[in-house]
Amino acid sequence: MSLEVLRVSESPSQGTPLLFVHGAWHGAWCWQEHFLPWFSSRGWSCIAPSLRGHAGSPGFSRWLSIQDYVQDVQSVMKTIQTPPILDSWLRSVHPVL
């Protein structure tokens, strides 16, 4: 499955990327207007996926579990060379932990 992933890095000077994980009824878009530009302008490489079934990511099902979202976070983390700092909101705390 191909997740929607927003990546913003104006001129990365910080070695550790930031991975923003949205909560219920949101998508990567919730970080796009304020958080991604603010952190990237300060040298952070920012990554924000839309978990399956949210925003631009396919896979909606009534039967999705926290484990499905854990797999989504893990799949995005595999694309990042340096282990990221994770930031989460609402329901996404469970997959991040």
N, C-alpha and C. Protein backbone atom coordinates (compact mmCIF):
# COMPACT_ATOMS: atom_id res chain seq x y z
N MET A 1 0.84 -1.17 0.00
CA MET A 1 0.00 0.00 0.00
C MET A 1 0.89 1.23 0.00
N SER A 2 0.50 2.20 -0.79
CA SER A 2 1.26 3.43 -0.90
C SER A 2 0.57 4.54 -0.11
N LEU A 3 1.20 4.97 0.97
CA LEU A 3 0.64 6.03 1.81
C LEU A 3 0.99 7.40 1.26
N GLU A 4 0.10 8.34 1.47
CA GLU A 4 0.42 9.74 1.18
C GLU A 4 1.42 10.20 2.24
N VAL A 5 2.54 10.78 1.81
CA VAL A 5 3.56 11.25 2.74
C VAL A 5 4.01 12.64 2.31
N LEU A 6 3.87 13.61 3.20
CA LEU A 6 4.38 14.96 2.94
C LEU A 6 5.79 15.05 3.50
N ARG A 7 6.70 15.58 2.71
CA ARG A 7 8.09 15.76 3.15
C ARG A 7 8.49 17.20 2.89
N VAL A 8 8.99 17.87 3.93
CA VAL A 8 9.41 19.27 3.82
C VAL A 8 10.76 19.41 4.49
N SER A 9 11.72 19.93 3.74
CA SER A 9 13.02 20.24 4.33
C SER A 9 13.65 21.34 3.50
N GLU A 10 13.56 22.56 3.99
CA GLU A 10 14.08 23.72 3.27
C GLU A 10 15.59 23.65 3.14
N SER A 11 16.28 23.58 4.24
CA SER A 11 17.74 23.43 4.25
C SER A 11 18.10 22.73 5.56
N PRO A 12 17.98 21.39 5.56
CA PRO A 12 18.16 20.66 6.81
C PRO A 12 19.55 20.84 7.41
N SER A 13 19.56 21.27 8.67
CA SER A 13 20.82 21.40 9.40
C SER A 13 20.79 20.55 10.67
N GLN A 14 19.60 20.12 11.05
CA GLN A 14 19.46 19.24 12.21
C GLN A 14 19.63 17.80 11.71
N GLY A 15 20.36 16.99 12.42
CA GLY A 15 20.64 15.63 11.98
C GLY A 15 19.46 14.67 12.09
N THR A 16 18.57 14.93 13.01
CA THR A 16 17.47 14.02 13.26
C THR A 16 16.18 14.55 12.63
N PRO A 17 15.54 13.77 11.76
CA PRO A 17 14.29 14.23 11.17
C PRO A 17 13.13 14.14 12.17
N LEU A 18 12.05 14.87 11.87
CA LEU A 18 10.84 14.84 12.68
C LEU A 18 9.76 14.09 11.90
N LEU A 19 9.10 13.15 12.57
CA LEU A 19 8.01 12.39 11.95
C LEU A 19 6.72 12.76 12.68
N PHE A 20 5.82 13.41 11.97
CA PHE A 20 4.55 13.87 12.53
C PHE A 20 3.46 12.86 12.17
N VAL A 21 2.77 12.33 13.18
CA VAL A 21 1.72 11.34 12.96
C VAL A 21 0.40 11.93 13.45
N HIS A 22 -0.56 12.01 12.56
CA HIS A 22 -1.86 12.64 12.86
C HIS A 22 -2.73 11.72 13.72
N GLY A 23 -3.82 12.28 14.21
CA GLY A 23 -4.79 11.53 14.99
C GLY A 23 -6.01 11.16 14.17
N ALA A 24 -7.06 10.76 14.87
CA ALA A 24 -8.30 10.31 14.22
C ALA A 24 -8.93 11.44 13.41
N TRP A 25 -9.52 11.07 12.29
CA TRP A 25 -10.25 11.98 11.40
C TRP A 25 -9.37 13.09 10.83
N HIS A 26 -8.08 12.85 10.77
CA HIS A 26 -7.15 13.83 10.21
C HIS A 26 -6.31 13.17 9.14
N GLY A 27 -5.35 13.86 8.65
CA GLY A 27 -4.37 13.35 7.70
C GLY A 27 -3.12 14.19 7.83
N ALA A 28 -2.16 13.92 6.96
CA ALA A 28 -0.92 14.69 6.99
C ALA A 28 -1.18 16.19 6.85
N TRP A 29 -2.28 16.54 6.21
CA TRP A 29 -2.64 17.94 5.99
C TRP A 29 -2.70 18.75 7.30
N CYS A 30 -3.02 18.10 8.42
CA CYS A 30 -3.19 18.86 9.67
C CYS A 30 -1.87 19.47 10.15
N TRP A 31 -0.75 18.98 9.66
CA TRP A 31 0.57 19.51 10.04
C TRP A 31 1.08 20.52 9.01
N GLN A 32 0.44 20.56 7.84
CA GLN A 32 1.00 21.25 6.68
C GLN A 32 1.05 22.77 6.79
N GLU A 33 0.05 23.38 7.36
CA GLU A 33 -0.01 24.84 7.35
C GLU A 33 0.95 25.50 8.34
N HIS A 34 1.06 24.96 9.55
CA HIS A 34 1.86 25.63 10.57
C HIS A 34 3.11 24.85 11.00
N PHE A 35 2.94 23.58 11.32
CA PHE A 35 4.03 22.82 11.92
C PHE A 35 5.17 22.53 10.95
N LEU A 36 4.86 21.97 9.78
CA LEU A 36 5.92 21.60 8.84
C LEU A 36 6.74 22.82 8.40
N PRO A 37 6.11 23.93 8.01
CA PRO A 37 6.91 25.10 7.63
C PRO A 37 7.74 25.68 8.78
N TRP A 38 7.16 25.70 9.97
CA TRP A 38 7.85 26.27 11.12
C TRP A 38 9.11 25.48 11.44
N PHE A 39 8.98 24.16 11.54
CA PHE A 39 10.14 23.33 11.89
C PHE A 39 11.14 23.27 10.75
N SER A 40 10.67 23.17 9.50
CA SER A 40 11.62 23.08 8.39
C SER A 40 12.39 24.39 8.22
N SER A 41 11.77 25.52 8.53
CA SER A 41 12.49 26.80 8.44
C SER A 41 13.57 26.92 9.50
N ARG A 42 13.53 26.05 10.49
CA ARG A 42 14.54 26.04 11.55
C ARG A 42 15.52 24.88 11.40
N GLY A 43 15.55 24.30 10.21
CA GLY A 43 16.57 23.29 9.90
C GLY A 43 16.16 21.84 10.06
N TRP A 44 14.92 21.58 10.40
CA TRP A 44 14.47 20.20 10.58
C TRP A 44 13.92 19.64 9.29
N SER A 45 14.22 18.40 9.01
CA SER A 45 13.59 17.66 7.91
C SER A 45 12.30 17.08 8.48
N CYS A 46 11.17 17.38 7.85
CA CYS A 46 9.85 17.00 8.39
C CYS A 46 9.15 16.01 7.48
N ILE A 47 8.58 14.98 8.08
CA ILE A 47 7.85 13.94 7.36
C ILE A 47 6.50 13.78 8.03
N ALA A 48 5.42 13.77 7.23
CA ALA A 48 4.07 13.62 7.78
C ALA A 48 3.26 12.69 6.88
N PRO A 49 3.04 11.44 7.31
CA PRO A 49 2.22 10.53 6.51
C PRO A 49 0.74 10.66 6.85
N SER A 50 -0.10 10.27 5.91
CA SER A 50 -1.52 10.06 6.19
C SER A 50 -1.69 8.56 6.38
N LEU A 51 -2.12 8.16 7.56
CA LEU A 51 -2.29 6.73 7.84
C LEU A 51 -3.37 6.15 6.93
N ARG A 52 -3.34 4.84 6.75
CA ARG A 52 -4.28 4.21 5.81
C ARG A 52 -5.72 4.57 6.12
N GLY A 53 -6.44 4.85 5.03
CA GLY A 53 -7.84 5.22 5.15
C GLY A 53 -8.07 6.67 5.54
N HIS A 54 -7.01 7.47 5.60
CA HIS A 54 -7.13 8.88 5.97
C HIS A 54 -6.58 9.74 4.84
N ALA A 55 -7.23 10.87 4.61
CA ALA A 55 -6.79 11.87 3.62
C ALA A 55 -6.45 11.19 2.29
N GLY A 56 -5.21 11.33 1.81
CA GLY A 56 -4.84 10.80 0.51
C GLY A 56 -4.32 9.38 0.50
N SER A 57 -4.43 8.68 1.61
CA SER A 57 -3.96 7.28 1.67
C SER A 57 -5.13 6.31 1.49
N PRO A 58 -4.94 5.28 0.66
CA PRO A 58 -6.01 4.30 0.45
C PRO A 58 -6.14 3.36 1.65
N GLY A 59 -7.16 2.54 1.63
CA GLY A 59 -7.26 1.46 2.60
C GLY A 59 -8.30 1.63 3.68
N PHE A 60 -9.31 2.49 3.45
CA PHE A 60 -10.32 2.66 4.49
C PHE A 60 -11.07 1.36 4.75
N SER A 61 -11.27 1.07 6.02
CA SER A 61 -12.06 -0.08 6.45
C SER A 61 -12.58 0.19 7.85
N ARG A 62 -13.76 -0.29 8.12
CA ARG A 62 -14.30 -0.16 9.48
C ARG A 62 -13.50 -1.00 10.47
N TRP A 63 -12.75 -1.94 9.98
CA TRP A 63 -12.08 -2.91 10.84
C TRP A 63 -10.59 -2.65 11.00
N LEU A 64 -10.13 -1.45 10.74
CA LEU A 64 -8.72 -1.14 10.96
C LEU A 64 -8.41 -1.15 12.45
N SER A 65 -7.22 -1.60 12.78
CA SER A 65 -6.82 -1.67 14.19
C SER A 65 -5.59 -0.78 14.43
N ILE A 66 -5.27 -0.62 15.68
CA ILE A 66 -4.06 0.11 16.04
C ILE A 66 -2.85 -0.55 15.40
N GLN A 67 -2.84 -1.87 15.32
CA GLN A 67 -1.72 -2.59 14.70
C GLN A 67 -1.55 -2.19 13.23
N ASP A 68 -2.65 -1.94 12.52
CA ASP A 68 -2.55 -1.47 11.14
C ASP A 68 -1.82 -0.13 11.07
N TYR A 69 -2.16 0.76 11.99
CA TYR A 69 -1.51 2.07 12.02
C TYR A 69 -0.06 1.96 12.46
N VAL A 70 0.25 1.02 13.35
CA VAL A 70 1.64 0.76 13.73
C VAL A 70 2.44 0.36 12.50
N GLN A 71 1.86 -0.52 11.68
CA GLN A 71 2.53 -0.94 10.45
C GLN A 71 2.76 0.24 9.50
N ASP A 72 1.79 1.15 9.45
CA ASP A 72 1.96 2.34 8.60
C ASP A 72 3.13 3.19 9.08
N VAL A 73 3.19 3.44 10.38
CA VAL A 73 4.29 4.24 10.94
C VAL A 73 5.62 3.53 10.69
N GLN A 74 5.66 2.22 10.90
CA GLN A 74 6.89 1.47 10.66
C GLN A 74 7.31 1.54 9.19
N SER A 75 6.35 1.45 8.28
CA SER A 75 6.70 1.49 6.86
C SER A 75 7.30 2.84 6.47
N VAL A 76 6.81 3.91 7.05
CA VAL A 76 7.38 5.23 6.77
C VAL A 76 8.76 5.35 7.42
N MET A 77 8.90 4.84 8.63
CA MET A 77 10.20 4.91 9.31
C MET A 77 11.29 4.17 8.55
N LYS A 78 10.92 3.11 7.83
CA LYS A 78 11.91 2.36 7.04
C LYS A 78 12.46 3.18 5.88
N THR A 79 11.76 4.24 5.49
CA THR A 79 12.23 5.09 4.38
C THR A 79 13.15 6.21 4.86
N ILE A 80 13.34 6.31 6.17
CA ILE A 80 14.14 7.38 6.75
C ILE A 80 15.47 6.80 7.23
N GLN A 81 16.58 7.38 6.80
CA GLN A 81 17.89 6.82 7.15
C GLN A 81 18.22 6.96 8.62
N THR A 82 17.88 8.10 9.22
CA THR A 82 18.17 8.35 10.62
C THR A 82 16.90 8.16 11.44
N PRO A 83 16.95 7.45 12.56
CA PRO A 83 15.73 7.30 13.39
C PRO A 83 15.17 8.68 13.74
N PRO A 84 13.87 8.90 13.47
CA PRO A 84 13.29 10.22 13.69
C PRO A 84 12.81 10.46 15.11
N ILE A 85 12.56 11.72 15.39
CA ILE A 85 11.83 12.12 16.59
C ILE A 85 10.36 12.06 16.19
N LEU A 86 9.54 11.39 16.99
CA LEU A 86 8.13 11.23 16.66
C LEU A 86 7.27 12.24 17.40
N ASP A 87 6.34 12.84 16.66
CA ASP A 87 5.37 13.75 17.24
C ASP A 87 3.99 13.24 16.85
N SER A 88 3.10 13.11 17.81
CA SER A 88 1.79 12.54 17.48
C SER A 88 0.68 13.35 18.11
N TRP A 89 -0.52 13.10 17.63
CA TRP A 89 -1.69 13.86 18.06
C TRP A 89 -2.87 12.92 18.23
N LEU A 90 -3.56 13.03 19.34
CA LEU A 90 -4.78 12.27 19.64
C LEU A 90 -4.58 10.77 19.54
N ARG A 91 -5.32 10.14 18.67
CA ARG A 91 -5.32 8.68 18.56
C ARG A 91 -3.96 8.11 18.13
N SER A 92 -3.16 8.92 17.47
CA SER A 92 -1.88 8.40 16.97
C SER A 92 -0.87 8.12 18.06
N VAL A 93 -1.17 8.50 19.29
CA VAL A 93 -0.24 8.22 20.38
C VAL A 93 0.00 6.72 20.50
N HIS A 94 -1.03 5.92 20.35
CA HIS A 94 -0.89 4.46 20.47
C HIS A 94 0.07 3.86 19.45
N PRO A 95 -0.08 4.13 18.14
CA PRO A 95 0.89 3.56 17.21
C PRO A 95 2.31 4.05 17.43
N VAL A 96 2.46 5.29 17.88
CA VAL A 96 3.80 5.85 18.10
C VAL A 96 4.48 5.18 19.29
N LEU A 97 3.71 4.91 20.34
CA LEU A 97 4.30 4.27 21.52
C LEU A 97 4.74 2.87 21.18
